[in-house]
Amino acid sequence: MKNLFVACLVTFSMMIFLSSCGKEYNCTCTVDGTTEINVITAKKSKAEDLCATTEAGYQFIDPNASCTLN
C-alpha cells in the first residue's frame, strides 16, 4: 500500500510540474540498489523541485534513497 501511495504521489507531482514548457532533464534515483531514471520536461527550477519531491517520496520506502538531476 505504501508503494502505491508513493507511486501516485510521484505521478501526480510529475503531472503538475510538466505543465510548463522547458528543457528535458533526467532525475536519476537510486532506491534499494535499483536505479530509475525519470525524464522531466520543465524549467530547471521546477525540475529541481520535482526531483526533490521524488526523492522524498522514495525515502518512505528506503531511507537511503537519493535522486540527482542531470
Foldseek 3Di string as FASTA:
>chain_A
DLVVVLVVQLVVLLVVQQPAAACWKWKWKAAPNDIDIDIHGHHPVSVVVSSVSNQVSRCVVPVPMHIDID
